[in-house]
C-alpha cells in the first residue's frame, strides 16, 4: 500500500489504498445493487484522491526544510484542515 520514495518520504499507492478502504467498508445488503455500487465507487474515488492529496502535501511538507517532527505536525494539520471540495 505504500512505497518508500526516500528515507523520510512515504508515498501511498493510491489504487491499493482505495481498494483497502472499499474492502473495509460494509454496505447494507438491503440496498439495491446500483446503490451499493454507487456507494462503493464514491468511497473508492474519495480514498483514491485523498491518497493523492496526502502524497502531494507530503511532498510539499518534507521539502520545506522543517524538522521531521515539525513536518509531520504540519502535514497532519493540512490534512485535517483541507476538505475534499477545497482541492
N, C-alpha and C. Protein backbone atom coordinates (compact mmCIF):
# COMPACT_ATOMS: atom_id res chain seq x y z
N UNK A 1 0.81 -1.19 0.00
CA UNK A 1 0.00 0.00 0.00
C UNK A 1 0.86 1.25 0.00
N UNK A 2 2.09 1.17 0.45
CA UNK A 2 2.96 2.33 0.45
C UNK A 2 4.25 1.99 -0.26
N UNK A 3 4.91 3.03 -0.73
CA UNK A 3 6.25 2.89 -1.28
C UNK A 3 7.12 3.90 -0.58
N UNK A 4 8.39 3.60 -0.51
CA UNK A 4 9.34 4.50 0.14
C UNK A 4 10.07 5.26 -0.95
N UNK A 5 9.77 6.55 -1.08
CA UNK A 5 10.38 7.37 -2.12
C UNK A 5 11.78 7.82 -1.73
N UNK A 6 11.99 8.09 -0.47
CA UNK A 6 13.30 8.43 0.07
C UNK A 6 13.29 8.06 1.53
N UNK A 7 14.36 8.38 2.27
CA UNK A 7 14.42 7.99 3.67
C UNK A 7 13.27 8.55 4.48
N UNK A 8 12.85 9.79 4.22
CA UNK A 8 11.81 10.43 5.01
C UNK A 8 10.49 10.58 4.27
N UNK A 9 10.41 10.14 3.03
CA UNK A 9 9.27 10.42 2.18
C UNK A 9 8.45 9.15 1.97
N UNK A 10 7.24 9.14 2.48
CA UNK A 10 6.34 8.00 2.37
C UNK A 10 5.29 8.30 1.31
N UNK A 11 5.09 7.41 0.37
CA UNK A 11 4.08 7.58 -0.67
C UNK A 11 3.02 6.50 -0.53
N UNK A 12 1.76 6.90 -0.58
CA UNK A 12 0.66 5.94 -0.60
C UNK A 12 0.43 5.49 -2.03
N UNK A 13 0.24 4.20 -2.22
CA UNK A 13 -0.20 3.69 -3.51
C UNK A 13 -1.70 3.96 -3.58
N UNK A 14 -2.10 4.88 -4.41
CA UNK A 14 -3.48 5.34 -4.43
C UNK A 14 -4.47 4.22 -4.71
N UNK A 15 -4.17 3.37 -5.68
CA UNK A 15 -5.10 2.29 -6.02
C UNK A 15 -5.22 1.29 -4.89
N UNK A 16 -4.09 0.89 -4.33
CA UNK A 16 -4.13 -0.08 -3.23
C UNK A 16 -4.82 0.49 -2.00
N UNK A 17 -4.55 1.75 -1.69
CA UNK A 17 -5.20 2.40 -0.56
C UNK A 17 -6.71 2.43 -0.77
N UNK A 18 -7.15 2.84 -1.95
CA UNK A 18 -8.58 2.92 -2.23
C UNK A 18 -9.23 1.54 -2.15
N UNK A 19 -8.57 0.51 -2.67
CA UNK A 19 -9.11 -0.86 -2.58
C UNK A 19 -9.25 -1.29 -1.13
N UNK A 20 -8.24 -0.99 -0.31
CA UNK A 20 -8.28 -1.37 1.10
C UNK A 20 -9.46 -0.69 1.80
N UNK A 21 -9.67 0.59 1.52
CA UNK A 21 -10.77 1.32 2.15
C UNK A 21 -12.12 0.74 1.71
N UNK A 22 -12.29 0.48 0.43
CA UNK A 22 -13.54 -0.09 -0.07
C UNK A 22 -13.79 -1.45 0.57
N UNK A 23 -12.75 -2.28 0.63
CA UNK A 23 -12.90 -3.62 1.20
C UNK A 23 -13.22 -3.59 2.70
N UNK A 24 -12.81 -2.53 3.38
CA UNK A 24 -13.06 -2.46 4.81
C UNK A 24 -14.42 -1.83 5.14
N UNK A 25 -15.09 -1.29 4.14
CA UNK A 25 -16.38 -0.62 4.36
C UNK A 25 -17.52 -1.58 4.01
N UNK A 26 -18.44 -1.73 4.93
CA UNK A 26 -19.60 -2.60 4.70
C UNK A 26 -20.80 -1.76 4.28
N UNK A 27 -21.47 -2.24 3.24
CA UNK A 27 -22.67 -1.57 2.74
C UNK A 27 -23.84 -2.52 2.96
N UNK A 28 -24.95 -1.99 3.40
CA UNK A 28 -26.13 -2.79 3.70
C UNK A 28 -26.58 -3.59 2.48
N UNK A 29 -26.89 -4.87 2.71
CA UNK A 29 -27.42 -5.72 1.65
C UNK A 29 -28.85 -5.34 1.29
N UNK A 30 -29.45 -4.49 2.10
CA UNK A 30 -30.83 -4.08 1.86
C UNK A 30 -30.93 -3.06 0.73
N UNK A 31 -29.82 -2.47 0.35
CA UNK A 31 -29.83 -1.51 -0.76
C UNK A 31 -29.92 -2.25 -2.08
N UNK A 32 -30.43 -1.57 -3.08
CA UNK A 32 -30.46 -2.20 -4.40
C UNK A 32 -29.03 -2.23 -4.95
N UNK A 33 -28.73 -3.14 -5.87
CA UNK A 33 -27.36 -3.30 -6.37
C UNK A 33 -26.74 -2.01 -6.91
N UNK A 34 -27.52 -1.19 -7.59
CA UNK A 34 -26.96 0.05 -8.13
C UNK A 34 -26.54 1.00 -7.01
N UNK A 35 -27.33 1.07 -5.96
CA UNK A 35 -26.99 1.93 -4.82
C UNK A 35 -25.72 1.44 -4.13
N UNK A 36 -25.56 0.13 -4.03
CA UNK A 36 -24.34 -0.45 -3.43
C UNK A 36 -23.13 -0.06 -4.26
N UNK A 37 -23.22 -0.22 -5.57
CA UNK A 37 -22.10 0.10 -6.46
C UNK A 37 -21.77 1.59 -6.40
N UNK A 38 -22.79 2.43 -6.40
CA UNK A 38 -22.55 3.87 -6.32
C UNK A 38 -21.85 4.23 -5.01
N UNK A 39 -22.28 3.64 -3.92
CA UNK A 39 -21.66 3.93 -2.62
C UNK A 39 -20.20 3.47 -2.64
N UNK A 40 -19.94 2.27 -3.14
CA UNK A 40 -18.56 1.75 -3.20
C UNK A 40 -17.69 2.61 -4.12
N UNK A 41 -18.25 3.04 -5.25
CA UNK A 41 -17.49 3.88 -6.18
C UNK A 41 -17.15 5.22 -5.53
N UNK A 42 -18.10 5.79 -4.84
CA UNK A 42 -17.86 7.06 -4.14
C UNK A 42 -16.75 6.90 -3.11
N UNK A 43 -16.79 5.82 -2.36
CA UNK A 43 -15.76 5.55 -1.36
C UNK A 43 -14.41 5.35 -2.03
N UNK A 44 -14.37 4.58 -3.12
CA UNK A 44 -13.11 4.32 -3.83
C UNK A 44 -12.50 5.64 -4.33
N UNK A 45 -13.31 6.44 -5.00
CA UNK A 45 -12.79 7.69 -5.57
C UNK A 45 -12.34 8.66 -4.49
N UNK A 46 -13.10 8.74 -3.41
CA UNK A 46 -12.71 9.62 -2.32
C UNK A 46 -11.39 9.18 -1.71
N UNK A 47 -11.23 7.88 -1.47
CA UNK A 47 -9.98 7.36 -0.91
C UNK A 47 -8.82 7.57 -1.88
N UNK A 48 -9.06 7.33 -3.16
CA UNK A 48 -8.02 7.50 -4.17
C UNK A 48 -7.49 8.93 -4.19
N UNK A 49 -8.42 9.90 -4.24
CA UNK A 49 -7.99 11.29 -4.31
C UNK A 49 -7.47 11.82 -2.98
N UNK A 50 -7.92 11.25 -1.87
CA UNK A 50 -7.35 11.62 -0.59
C UNK A 50 -5.90 11.15 -0.49
N UNK A 51 -5.62 9.94 -0.99
CA UNK A 51 -4.24 9.45 -1.02
C UNK A 51 -3.38 10.33 -1.91
N UNK A 52 -3.92 10.77 -3.04
CA UNK A 52 -3.19 11.67 -3.93
C UNK A 52 -2.88 12.98 -3.21
N UNK A 53 -3.88 13.52 -2.53
CA UNK A 53 -3.69 14.77 -1.79
C UNK A 53 -2.65 14.58 -0.69
N UNK A 54 -2.69 13.45 0.02
CA UNK A 54 -1.69 13.16 1.04
C UNK A 54 -0.30 13.16 0.43
N UNK A 55 -0.13 12.47 -0.69
CA UNK A 55 1.18 12.40 -1.34
C UNK A 55 1.67 13.80 -1.74
N UNK A 56 0.78 14.62 -2.28
CA UNK A 56 1.17 15.98 -2.67
C UNK A 56 1.54 16.83 -1.46
N UNK A 57 0.72 16.78 -0.42
CA UNK A 57 1.02 17.53 0.79
C UNK A 57 2.32 17.05 1.42
N UNK A 58 2.51 15.77 1.41
CA UNK A 58 3.72 15.19 1.99
C UNK A 58 4.95 15.65 1.23
N UNK A 59 4.86 15.71 -0.09
CA UNK A 59 5.97 16.21 -0.90
C UNK A 59 6.28 17.67 -0.55
N UNK A 60 5.25 18.48 -0.46
CA UNK A 60 5.43 19.90 -0.13
C UNK A 60 6.00 20.08 1.27
N UNK A 61 5.49 19.32 2.21
CA UNK A 61 5.87 19.47 3.61
C UNK A 61 7.31 19.04 3.85
N UNK A 62 7.72 17.91 3.29
CA UNK A 62 9.04 17.38 3.57
C UNK A 62 10.14 18.04 2.75
N UNK A 63 9.79 18.96 1.87
CA UNK A 63 10.81 19.71 1.14
C UNK A 63 10.90 21.15 1.64
N UNK A 64 10.22 21.44 2.75
CA UNK A 64 10.16 22.81 3.26
C UNK A 64 11.31 23.17 4.18
N UNK A 65 12.16 22.20 4.55
CA UNK A 65 13.29 22.47 5.41
C UNK A 65 12.98 22.41 6.90
N UNK A 66 11.77 21.99 7.27
CA UNK A 66 11.42 21.86 8.68
C UNK A 66 11.96 20.55 9.25
N UNK A 67 12.04 20.45 10.58
CA UNK A 67 12.46 19.20 11.19
C UNK A 67 11.39 18.14 10.97
N UNK A 68 11.73 16.87 11.14
CA UNK A 68 10.80 15.78 10.91
C UNK A 68 9.55 15.92 11.77
N UNK A 69 9.69 16.28 13.03
CA UNK A 69 8.54 16.45 13.91
C UNK A 69 7.66 17.59 13.43
N UNK A 70 8.27 18.70 13.05
CA UNK A 70 7.50 19.84 12.54
C UNK A 70 6.81 19.48 11.23
N UNK A 71 7.50 18.75 10.36
CA UNK A 71 6.94 18.34 9.08
C UNK A 71 5.70 17.48 9.29
N UNK A 72 5.82 16.52 10.19
CA UNK A 72 4.72 15.61 10.47
C UNK A 72 3.52 16.37 11.02
N UNK A 73 3.73 17.28 11.97
CA UNK A 73 2.65 18.06 12.54
C UNK A 73 1.99 18.95 11.49
N UNK A 74 2.80 19.56 10.62
CA UNK A 74 2.26 20.41 9.56
C UNK A 74 1.40 19.58 8.59
N UNK A 75 1.88 18.40 8.24
CA UNK A 75 1.16 17.52 7.33
C UNK A 75 -0.19 17.12 7.93
N UNK A 76 -0.19 16.71 9.18
CA UNK A 76 -1.44 16.32 9.84
C UNK A 76 -2.42 17.49 9.90
N UNK A 77 -1.92 18.66 10.18
CA UNK A 77 -2.79 19.84 10.25
C UNK A 77 -3.38 20.15 8.88
N UNK A 78 -2.59 20.05 7.83
CA UNK A 78 -3.09 20.31 6.48
C UNK A 78 -4.15 19.30 6.09
N UNK A 79 -3.93 18.03 6.41
CA UNK A 79 -4.93 17.01 6.09
C UNK A 79 -6.22 17.25 6.86
N UNK A 80 -6.11 17.68 8.10
CA UNK A 80 -7.28 17.93 8.92
C UNK A 80 -8.04 19.15 8.41
N UNK A 81 -7.33 20.18 8.02
CA UNK A 81 -7.96 21.44 7.61
C UNK A 81 -8.51 21.43 6.19
N UNK A 82 -7.93 20.61 5.32
CA UNK A 82 -8.31 20.61 3.92
C UNK A 82 -9.47 19.66 3.69
N UNK A 83 -10.51 20.15 3.07
CA UNK A 83 -11.69 19.35 2.74
C UNK A 83 -11.63 18.96 1.28
N UNK A 84 -12.27 17.85 0.94
CA UNK A 84 -12.26 17.32 -0.42
C UNK A 84 -12.69 18.37 -1.43
N UNK A 85 -13.70 19.16 -1.11
CA UNK A 85 -14.20 20.19 -2.02
C UNK A 85 -13.21 21.33 -2.25
N UNK A 86 -12.21 21.46 -1.36
CA UNK A 86 -11.21 22.53 -1.49
C UNK A 86 -10.11 22.20 -2.49
N UNK A 87 -10.05 20.97 -2.98
CA UNK A 87 -8.96 20.56 -3.86
C UNK A 87 -9.24 21.08 -5.23
